[in-house]
Protein backbone atom coordinates (compact mmCIF):
# COMPACT_ATOMS: atom_id res chain seq x y z
CA MET A 1 120.24 118.39 161.67
CA ILE A 2 121.02 115.00 160.21
CA HIS A 3 119.26 111.83 161.19
CA ARG A 4 122.12 110.42 163.28
CA THR A 5 121.41 112.88 166.06
CA THR A 6 117.78 111.79 166.26
CA LEU A 7 118.38 108.04 166.21
CA LEU A 8 117.99 107.68 169.96
CA ALA A 9 114.67 109.52 169.90
CA SER A 10 113.47 107.26 167.11
CA ALA A 11 114.37 104.16 169.08
CA ALA A 12 112.50 105.49 172.10
CA LEU A 13 109.46 106.17 169.93
CA ALA A 14 109.58 102.62 168.63
CA LEU A 15 109.38 101.32 172.18
CA ALA A 16 106.62 103.70 173.18
CA LEU A 17 104.27 103.53 170.20
CA PRO A 18 103.17 100.77 167.84
CA ALA A 19 103.35 103.00 164.78
CA PHE A 20 104.31 106.44 163.48
CA ALA A 21 101.08 107.60 161.88
CA ALA A 22 101.07 109.58 158.66
CA ASP A 23 99.73 108.44 155.27
CA PRO A 24 97.07 105.85 156.21
CA ASP A 25 97.21 104.16 152.81
CA LEU A 26 100.68 102.65 153.27
CA LEU A 27 101.99 100.82 156.33
CA VAL A 28 105.75 100.25 156.30
CA PHE A 29 107.12 97.72 158.81
CA ASP A 30 110.68 98.87 159.35
CA TRP A 31 113.71 99.15 161.60
CA ALA A 32 113.39 101.90 164.20
CA GLY A 33 114.83 105.10 162.81
CA PHE A 34 114.06 104.58 159.12
CA GLU A 35 111.13 106.99 159.11
CA ASP A 36 113.45 109.51 157.45
CA GLU A 37 112.18 111.84 154.74
CA ASN A 38 115.66 112.02 153.19
CA LEU A 39 115.29 108.37 152.14
CA ILE A 40 111.98 108.81 150.30
CA LYS A 41 111.69 112.46 149.29
CA GLY A 42 109.84 111.55 146.09
CA TYR A 43 107.11 109.81 148.08
CA VAL A 44 106.66 112.77 150.43
CA GLU A 45 106.62 115.25 147.56
CA LYS A 46 103.93 113.23 145.76
CA HIS A 47 101.70 112.38 148.73
CA GLY A 48 102.39 115.18 151.21
CA SER A 49 103.54 113.02 154.12
CA LEU A 50 105.54 110.01 155.14
CA PRO A 51 103.84 106.61 155.10
CA THR A 52 102.63 105.14 158.37
CA TYR A 53 105.45 103.22 160.06
CA ALA A 54 105.47 100.36 162.53
CA PHE A 55 108.84 99.47 164.00
CA TYR A 56 110.91 96.48 165.05
CA GLY A 57 114.43 96.02 166.40
CA ASP A 58 115.29 92.56 165.13
CA ASP A 59 114.63 90.54 161.97
CA ASP A 60 113.37 87.50 163.87
CA GLU A 61 110.98 89.65 165.90
CA ALA A 62 109.63 91.17 162.68
CA PHE A 63 109.05 87.81 161.02
CA GLN A 64 107.29 86.37 164.05
CA LYS A 65 104.96 89.37 164.21
CA ILE A 66 104.03 89.09 160.53
CA ALA A 67 103.66 85.30 160.75
CA SER A 68 101.32 85.81 163.72
CA GLY A 69 98.96 87.96 161.66
CA PHE A 70 100.24 91.53 161.80
CA LYS A 71 99.34 93.26 158.52
CA ALA A 72 101.67 95.64 156.69
CA ASP A 73 102.23 96.60 153.06
CA VAL A 74 106.02 96.35 152.85
CA ALA A 75 108.85 95.42 155.22
CA HIS A 76 112.62 95.85 155.33
CA PRO A 77 114.26 92.50 156.14
CA CYS A 78 117.92 91.76 155.66
CA SER A 79 118.84 89.26 152.98
CA GLN A 80 119.04 86.10 155.08
CA MET A 81 115.38 86.45 156.14
CA VAL A 82 113.77 86.60 152.71
CA SER A 83 113.52 82.83 152.32
CA LYS A 84 111.47 82.62 155.52
CA TYR A 85 108.93 85.11 154.17
CA ARG A 86 108.78 83.25 150.85
CA ASP A 87 108.50 79.81 152.44
CA ALA A 88 105.67 81.04 154.66
CA GLY A 89 103.76 82.39 151.66
CA LEU A 90 103.70 85.92 153.09
CA ILE A 91 105.11 87.89 150.16
CA GLU A 92 104.57 88.26 146.43
CA PRO A 93 106.93 89.31 143.63
CA TRP A 94 107.51 92.94 142.77
CA ASP A 95 106.53 94.04 139.27
CA VAL A 96 109.88 95.51 138.22
CA SER A 97 108.29 97.05 135.11
CA ARG A 98 106.91 99.58 137.61
CA ILE A 99 110.35 100.26 139.12
CA PRO A 100 112.38 102.30 136.61
CA ASN A 101 115.65 102.25 138.61
CA PHE A 102 115.56 98.53 139.29
CA ALA A 103 118.19 97.98 136.58
CA GLU A 104 120.61 100.21 138.52
CA ILE A 105 120.75 97.86 141.52
CA ALA A 106 124.16 96.18 141.66
CA PRO A 107 123.74 92.63 140.28
CA ARG A 108 125.66 91.13 143.22
CA PHE A 109 122.72 91.96 145.49
CA LEU A 110 120.30 89.90 143.40
CA ASP A 111 122.56 86.92 142.78
CA SER A 112 120.33 84.35 144.47
CA PRO A 113 117.24 82.41 143.32
CA ILE A 114 115.71 83.39 146.67
CA PHE A 115 115.58 87.00 145.47
CA LYS A 116 115.03 86.54 141.75
CA ASP A 117 113.86 83.47 139.83
CA ASP A 118 111.60 82.51 136.95
CA THR A 119 108.55 83.38 139.06
CA GLY A 120 109.64 86.99 139.57
CA VAL A 121 111.65 89.40 141.71
CA TRP A 122 110.88 88.84 145.38
CA TYR A 123 113.23 91.34 146.97
CA ILE A 124 114.44 94.88 146.25
CA PRO A 125 117.86 95.43 147.90
CA THR A 126 118.33 99.00 149.11
CA ASP A 127 121.07 99.39 151.74
CA TYR A 128 124.28 97.74 152.88
CA ALA A 129 127.19 98.22 155.25
CA TYR A 130 129.50 96.26 157.54
CA THR A 131 129.78 94.72 160.98
CA ALA A 132 133.22 95.12 162.51
CA VAL A 133 135.08 96.09 165.68
CA ALA A 134 134.19 99.39 167.33
CA TYR A 135 136.57 100.56 170.03
CA ASN A 136 137.31 103.52 172.26
CA THR A 137 140.48 104.96 170.74
CA ASN A 138 141.42 106.70 174.01
CA ASP A 139 141.49 103.48 176.03
CA VAL A 140 142.04 100.67 173.54
CA PRO A 141 145.31 100.54 171.57
CA ALA A 142 145.01 99.71 167.88
CA GLU A 143 147.10 96.56 168.30
CA ASP A 144 144.47 95.11 170.67
CA VAL A 145 141.85 95.17 167.91
CA ALA A 146 144.10 93.82 165.17
CA SER A 147 142.48 90.43 165.83
CA LEU A 148 138.97 89.31 166.73
CA SER A 149 140.56 87.60 169.73
CA VAL A 150 140.04 90.95 171.46
CA PHE A 151 136.58 89.66 172.39
CA HIS A 152 138.27 86.94 174.47
CA ASN A 153 140.89 89.24 175.97
CA PRO A 154 140.56 89.22 179.80
CA LYS A 155 141.74 92.84 179.75
CA TYR A 156 138.24 93.76 178.49
CA ALA A 157 136.19 91.48 180.70
CA GLY A 158 132.89 93.23 181.44
CA ARG A 159 133.68 95.95 178.89
CA VAL A 160 132.50 94.18 175.74
CA SER A 161 129.18 94.44 173.90
CA LEU A 162 127.90 92.18 171.13
CA PRO A 163 124.74 92.64 169.05
CA ASP A 164 121.59 90.87 170.19
CA ASN A 165 121.35 89.62 166.63
CA THR A 166 121.77 86.02 165.50
CA ASP A 167 123.30 86.80 162.13
CA ASP A 168 125.90 89.24 163.36
CA VAL A 169 127.14 87.21 166.31
CA TRP A 170 127.47 84.08 164.20
CA ALA A 171 129.28 86.02 161.49
CA LEU A 172 131.73 87.11 164.20
CA ALA A 173 132.17 83.65 165.69
CA LEU A 174 132.62 81.97 162.32
CA LEU A 175 135.18 84.53 161.19
CA ALA A 176 137.03 84.22 164.49
CA THR A 177 137.28 80.46 164.01
CA GLY A 178 138.44 80.61 160.40
CA VAL A 179 135.18 80.30 158.42
CA THR A 180 134.57 82.89 155.70
CA ASN A 181 131.60 81.30 153.88
CA TRP A 182 128.67 80.52 156.15
CA SER A 183 126.76 78.63 153.48
CA GLU A 184 129.17 75.71 153.91
CA VAL A 185 129.56 75.18 157.66
CA SER A 186 130.41 71.69 158.89
CA GLU A 187 129.28 70.32 162.25
CA GLU A 188 132.81 70.71 163.57
CA GLN A 189 132.92 74.34 162.46
CA PHE A 190 129.49 75.03 163.98
CA GLN A 191 130.59 73.62 167.33
CA ALA A 192 133.87 75.54 167.24
CA ALA A 193 132.02 78.81 166.59
CA ALA A 194 129.52 78.07 169.37
CA ALA A 195 132.38 77.37 171.79
CA TRP A 196 134.04 80.65 170.74
CA LEU A 197 130.80 82.54 171.44
CA ARG A 198 130.47 80.95 174.87
CA THR A 199 133.93 82.17 175.80
CA ALA A 200 133.20 85.65 174.42
CA HIS A 201 129.94 85.70 176.39
CA GLN A 202 131.97 85.73 179.61
CA ASN A 203 133.37 89.16 178.68
CA VAL A 204 130.04 90.65 177.60
CA VAL A 205 128.47 93.32 179.79
CA ALA A 206 125.47 93.81 177.46
CA TYR A 207 124.02 92.65 174.15
CA TRP A 208 123.01 95.80 172.31
CA ALA A 209 119.64 95.88 170.55
CA ASP A 210 119.96 99.06 168.48
CA PRO A 211 122.78 101.43 167.46
CA SER A 212 121.77 104.19 169.86
CA GLU A 213 121.97 101.76 172.78
CA LEU A 214 125.52 100.80 171.83
CA ALA A 215 126.45 104.46 171.39
CA GLN A 216 125.21 105.15 174.93
CA LEU A 217 127.12 102.20 176.36
CA MET A 218 130.36 103.31 174.76
CA ALA A 219 129.91 107.03 175.47
CA GLY A 220 129.13 106.22 179.10
CA GLY A 221 132.30 104.18 179.49
CA GLN A 222 130.64 100.83 180.20
CA VAL A 223 131.85 99.40 176.90
CA GLN A 224 135.27 99.74 175.31
CA VAL A 225 135.06 97.13 172.53
CA ALA A 226 132.02 96.05 170.51
CA TRP A 227 130.94 94.26 167.34
CA SER A 228 129.11 97.08 165.58
CA TRP A 229 127.28 98.30 162.51
CA ASN A 230 128.29 101.50 160.71
CA ASP A 231 125.45 103.59 162.13
CA SER A 232 126.65 103.28 165.73
CA ILE A 233 130.02 104.60 164.55
CA ALA A 234 128.38 107.46 162.66
CA LEU A 235 126.29 108.38 165.67
CA MET A 236 129.28 108.43 168.05
CA ARG A 237 131.45 110.40 165.65
CA GLU A 238 128.71 112.98 165.23
CA GLU A 239 128.74 113.44 168.99
CA GLY A 240 132.55 113.74 169.07
CA PHE A 241 133.18 110.40 170.79
CA PRO A 242 136.66 108.92 170.16
CA VAL A 243 135.65 105.75 168.32
CA GLY A 244 137.54 103.62 165.84
CA PHE A 245 136.08 101.09 163.42
CA GLN A 246 138.44 98.21 162.71
CA ARG A 247 137.19 96.59 159.51
CA GLN A 248 140.46 94.84 158.72
CA ALA A 249 141.09 92.58 161.68
CA THR A 250 143.29 89.62 160.81
CA GLU A 251 140.31 87.25 160.61
CA GLY A 252 138.11 89.72 158.68
CA ALA A 253 134.81 91.58 158.97
CA SER A 254 131.24 90.94 157.86
CA SER A 255 129.02 92.58 155.26
CA TRP A 256 125.24 92.59 155.10
CA PHE A 257 122.48 94.10 153.02
CA CYS A 258 118.79 94.75 153.49
CA GLY A 259 115.86 95.62 151.25
CA TYR A 260 112.10 95.55 150.87
CA VAL A 261 109.53 92.79 150.39
CA ASN A 262 105.98 93.26 149.16
CA PHE A 263 103.35 91.54 151.30
CA LYS A 264 100.60 89.43 149.81
CA ASP A 265 97.03 90.57 150.56
CA ALA A 266 98.34 93.83 152.00
CA PRO A 267 95.80 96.25 153.48
CA GLY A 268 97.04 99.46 151.87
CA SER A 269 97.61 100.93 148.43
CA GLU A 270 99.70 98.88 146.00
CA ASP A 271 100.33 102.01 143.94
CA LYS A 272 101.79 103.73 147.00
CA ALA A 273 103.98 100.71 147.72
CA TYR A 274 105.56 101.25 144.30
CA ASP A 275 105.85 104.98 144.91
CA PHE A 276 107.66 104.14 148.13
CA ILE A 277 110.19 101.75 146.59
CA ASN A 278 110.78 104.08 143.65
CA ALA A 279 111.53 106.91 146.07
CA TRP A 280 113.99 104.62 147.89
CA LEU A 281 115.80 103.85 144.62
CA ASP A 282 115.97 107.50 143.58
CA HIS A 283 119.55 108.80 143.43
CA GLY A 284 118.97 111.34 146.19
CA SER A 285 118.24 108.52 148.64
CA ALA A 286 121.87 107.38 148.50
CA GLN A 287 123.12 110.65 149.97
CA GLY A 288 120.38 110.62 152.61
CA LEU A 289 121.31 107.06 153.56
CA LEU A 290 125.00 107.91 153.87
CA ASP A 291 124.37 111.13 155.83
CA GLY A 292 121.75 109.68 158.12
CA PHE A 293 123.00 106.16 158.77
CA GLY A 294 126.52 105.79 157.45
CA TYR A 295 125.23 103.13 155.03
CA ALA A 296 125.76 102.63 151.31
CA HIS A 297 122.99 102.25 148.72
CA ALA A 298 122.42 99.17 146.58
CA ASN A 299 121.82 101.45 143.59
CA ASP A 300 125.30 101.59 142.02
CA ALA A 301 124.43 104.48 139.73
CA ALA A 302 123.34 106.54 142.73
CA MET A 303 126.50 105.64 144.64
CA ALA A 304 128.67 106.73 141.70
CA ALA A 305 127.58 110.33 142.32
CA ILE A 306 129.02 110.33 145.87
CA PRO A 307 132.72 111.30 146.18
CA ALA A 308 135.02 108.42 147.12
CA ASP A 309 136.43 110.33 150.10
CA ALA A 310 132.92 110.56 151.58
CA LEU A 311 132.62 106.77 151.43
CA VAL A 312 136.01 106.37 153.11
CA ALA A 313 135.00 108.82 155.84
CA ALA A 314 131.86 106.76 156.52
CA ASP A 315 133.74 103.42 156.38
CA VAL A 316 131.59 102.06 153.55
CA ASN A 317 134.34 101.99 150.94
CA PRO A 318 135.31 98.47 149.80
CA ILE A 319 137.43 96.44 152.23
CA GLU A 320 140.71 94.92 151.19
CA GLY A 321 140.76 91.71 153.16
CA THR A 322 138.58 88.87 154.35
CA LEU A 323 134.85 89.49 154.29
CA LEU A 324 132.06 87.13 155.35
CA ALA A 325 128.98 88.08 153.36
CA GLN A 326 125.69 87.60 155.20
CA THR A 327 123.90 86.03 152.24
CA PRO A 328 120.91 83.67 152.51
CA ILE A 329 121.50 80.37 154.28
CA ALA A 330 119.28 77.33 154.76
CA ALA A 331 116.40 78.10 157.11
CA GLU A 332 117.14 75.09 159.31
CA VAL A 333 120.76 76.23 159.73
CA ARG A 334 119.74 79.72 160.73
CA ASP A 335 117.09 78.39 163.11
CA ARG A 336 119.77 76.28 164.77
CA MET A 337 122.00 79.34 165.08
CA LEU A 338 119.15 81.26 166.70
CA GLU A 339 118.45 78.49 169.20
CA GLU A 340 122.12 78.10 170.10
CA PHE A 341 122.57 81.84 170.56
CA GLU A 342 119.61 81.99 172.94
CA GLN A 343 121.21 79.19 174.97
CA ILE A 344 124.54 81.03 175.08
CA LYS A 345 122.93 84.28 176.24
CA ALA A 346 121.15 82.34 178.97
CA GLY A 347 124.49 80.99 180.19
CA PHE A 348 124.21 77.44 178.87
């Protein structure tokens, strides 16, 4: 049985336990659900078990825990968080001479001095996908989701869900107000996006925290329209739920990517940290990632082995249209986005 069907159980485990114990020499701080052998078969074959995992549900939560003293060996932040880990002095560069498949990572994922500079490679990108409009195809006509204005449509008042995630909601609001590059946002554009989010908030019945939660909300009928990642779509389709994924709304969709950082003064085995990242970059991981999460792999050579129709079926084929890339932004800008989003959720 593929990983999608066990995502809910993984999320429940993350809430119930601080860690999934296995190999005691490597502690991986990761998103709930990523303790999947199909992503790191080489590691399991070499060491006989998965690493030990500790879980989080949000990038900001993860950073705060590490900054407060929690010790792990590697973690899986999305791209816009890497600068915070670097600025705080929490991570060290990877030695790419120990990562044979590093050269196969698509260059576009390393095109930032935050990830790679003359001091080294600070980030190993591994997975990417999209955030776009999920909708119940039985109840929501396709024309209603042709525009991101659907999130303001009074027809769906109390039937909308947005992610409890600063980056994704701001990507939505900026796209909806005509901004496609969030590295160059003026004060006027920031205020327009915040106002758009406040209006959308009035239609929101719940802010989802993980893909399984959104899948439950939509399958139970509470939600008809949502701003979603690919894995929620994959999970619902596996269960036979009538869900569409509109990645070509008039205003566009958003793309994101995540990867691994190597913590300074980590408690576990550095050799096993490299075994872990090498297993992630192995070509077999790309198929496991697509099957289990509906995500694409940052290793272009690995992706080339997957048939194009499989990528289309999972909605990770390239989009023809507007795309806001969630690339690194100034820390003070993102902190302001986080603060404003908390105010909006609180009704202010």
